[in-house]
């Protein structure tokens, strides 16, 4: 069975971030997905406490995402309101880092994930370098 994000059960992912409550929620939804601490990943999931943190982790993960792979950032559903002006700048900041927004998936009534792809250099697993 595939996840909300279209991941097959064997797809290796990375999950991290400092927003503890949202990270816990996402961890439970992805409990059966294998984690890939090194090497290429099928998807990255970030639970940031700020836009700056999202950009920091996105930069670090970009080289681990192959062509067509996705990076998902979990944010509060109310990010478009005045209550959360912090998140309005996310798409522009991600674009500046070479990411393109491709999707939005509601996780529940509190959170949604915003999906991005990157035009980064692909990971070459044969010699553990980037090409």
Protein backbone atom coordinates (compact mmCIF):
# COMPACT_ATOMS: atom_id res chain seq x y z
CA UNK A 1 0.00 0.00 0.00
CA UNK A 2 1.30 3.44 -0.89
CA UNK A 3 1.49 6.37 1.54
CA UNK A 4 -0.19 9.77 1.22
CA UNK A 5 2.91 10.84 -0.67
CA UNK A 6 2.90 8.01 -3.22
CA UNK A 7 5.76 6.09 -1.63
CA UNK A 8 6.05 2.36 -2.04
CA UNK A 9 6.69 0.38 1.16
CA UNK A 10 10.35 -0.24 0.34
CA UNK A 11 11.17 3.39 -0.54
CA UNK A 12 13.98 4.75 1.64
CA UNK A 13 13.34 8.14 3.23
CA UNK A 14 14.96 10.69 5.50
CA UNK A 15 12.94 12.42 8.22
CA UNK A 16 14.20 15.26 10.37
CA UNK A 17 13.55 18.70 11.80
CA UNK A 18 13.16 20.51 15.09
CA UNK A 19 9.36 20.97 15.27
CA UNK A 20 8.90 18.10 17.74
CA UNK A 21 5.10 17.69 17.67
CA UNK A 22 4.84 17.68 13.90
CA UNK A 23 7.88 15.39 13.60
CA UNK A 24 6.22 12.89 15.94
CA UNK A 25 3.00 13.00 13.91
CA UNK A 26 4.84 12.46 10.63
CA UNK A 27 6.98 9.70 12.13
CA UNK A 28 3.82 7.78 13.05
CA UNK A 29 2.46 8.14 9.52
CA UNK A 30 5.74 6.91 8.06
CA UNK A 31 6.57 4.31 10.72
CA UNK A 32 6.92 1.45 8.21
CA UNK A 33 9.10 3.34 5.70
CA UNK A 34 12.78 2.35 5.84
CA UNK A 35 15.11 5.19 6.83
CA UNK A 36 18.19 5.91 4.72
CA UNK A 37 20.76 7.76 6.84
CA UNK A 38 23.23 7.96 3.93
CA UNK A 39 23.10 7.68 0.15
CA UNK A 40 20.23 8.41 -2.20
CA UNK A 41 16.67 8.68 -0.92
CA UNK A 42 13.27 8.37 -2.54
CA UNK A 43 11.91 11.25 -0.45
CA UNK A 44 12.96 13.61 2.29
CA UNK A 45 10.61 14.89 4.98
CA UNK A 46 11.40 18.02 6.96
CA UNK A 47 9.52 19.21 10.04
CA UNK A 48 11.06 22.65 10.49
CA UNK A 49 10.45 25.15 13.26
CA UNK A 50 11.19 28.00 10.81
CA UNK A 51 11.67 28.77 7.13
CA UNK A 52 15.41 29.13 7.74
CA UNK A 53 15.51 25.61 9.17
CA UNK A 54 13.57 24.28 6.17
CA UNK A 55 16.10 25.88 3.82
CA UNK A 56 19.02 24.52 5.84
CA UNK A 57 17.79 20.92 5.65
CA UNK A 58 16.68 21.30 2.00
CA UNK A 59 20.22 22.35 1.05
CA UNK A 60 21.70 19.36 2.87
CA UNK A 61 19.26 16.88 1.30
CA UNK A 62 19.30 18.22 -2.26
CA UNK A 63 22.29 16.08 -3.28
CA UNK A 64 20.59 12.92 -1.97
CA UNK A 65 17.47 13.43 -4.11
CA UNK A 66 17.72 11.96 -7.58
CA UNK A 67 15.79 13.25 -10.58
CA UNK A 68 12.06 13.29 -9.91
CA UNK A 69 12.46 12.55 -6.19
CA UNK A 70 10.61 14.75 -3.75
CA UNK A 71 11.30 16.79 -0.68
CA UNK A 72 8.29 17.30 1.60
CA UNK A 73 8.09 20.08 4.17
CA UNK A 74 5.48 19.76 6.91
CA UNK A 75 3.92 23.10 7.88
CA UNK A 76 0.83 24.22 9.81
CA UNK A 77 -2.34 24.30 7.68
CA UNK A 78 -2.91 27.96 8.57
CA UNK A 79 0.33 29.06 6.89
CA UNK A 80 -1.60 31.31 4.49
CA UNK A 81 -3.17 33.37 7.31
CA UNK A 82 -1.81 36.42 9.10
CA UNK A 83 -1.24 34.20 12.15
CA UNK A 84 1.63 32.46 10.42
CA UNK A 85 3.36 35.00 8.21
CA UNK A 86 6.55 33.00 8.78
CA UNK A 87 5.62 30.43 6.14
CA UNK A 88 4.54 32.82 3.34
CA UNK A 89 8.10 33.12 2.13
CA UNK A 90 8.78 29.37 1.92
CA UNK A 91 8.08 28.86 -1.80
CA UNK A 92 10.22 31.84 -2.82
CA UNK A 93 13.11 30.79 -0.59
CA UNK A 94 12.94 27.20 -1.87
CA UNK A 95 12.92 28.47 -5.47
CA UNK A 96 16.08 30.46 -4.72
CA UNK A 97 17.69 27.16 -3.70
CA UNK A 98 16.74 25.45 -6.98
CA UNK A 99 13.53 23.75 -5.83
CA UNK A 100 10.20 23.81 -7.64
CA UNK A 101 6.90 23.38 -5.83
CA UNK A 102 5.00 20.43 -7.25
CA UNK A 103 2.30 19.44 -4.77
CA UNK A 104 0.54 19.99 -1.48
CA UNK A 105 -0.84 17.11 0.60
CA UNK A 106 -3.06 17.59 3.65
CA UNK A 107 -1.85 15.38 6.47
CA UNK A 108 -4.70 16.16 8.85
CA UNK A 109 -6.61 19.20 10.14
CA UNK A 110 -3.43 20.70 11.60
CA UNK A 111 -0.69 20.06 9.05
CA UNK A 112 0.03 19.86 5.36
CA UNK A 113 3.12 18.91 3.42
CA UNK A 114 4.42 20.99 0.56
CA UNK A 115 6.29 18.95 -2.05
CA UNK A 116 9.29 20.14 -4.05
CA UNK A 117 11.67 18.70 -6.62
CA UNK A 118 15.23 19.85 -7.15
CA UNK A 119 17.39 20.21 -10.21
CA UNK A 120 20.37 19.06 -8.18
CA UNK A 121 23.26 16.88 -9.16
CA UNK A 122 22.25 13.23 -8.96
CA UNK A 123 23.80 10.94 -6.36
CA UNK A 124 26.08 8.27 -7.82
CA UNK A 125 25.86 5.26 -5.52
CA UNK A 126 28.62 3.38 -7.35
CA UNK A 127 31.34 5.53 -5.83
CA UNK A 128 29.46 7.47 -3.11
CA UNK A 129 30.07 10.78 -4.85
CA UNK A 130 27.90 13.32 -6.57
CA UNK A 131 27.96 13.84 -10.30
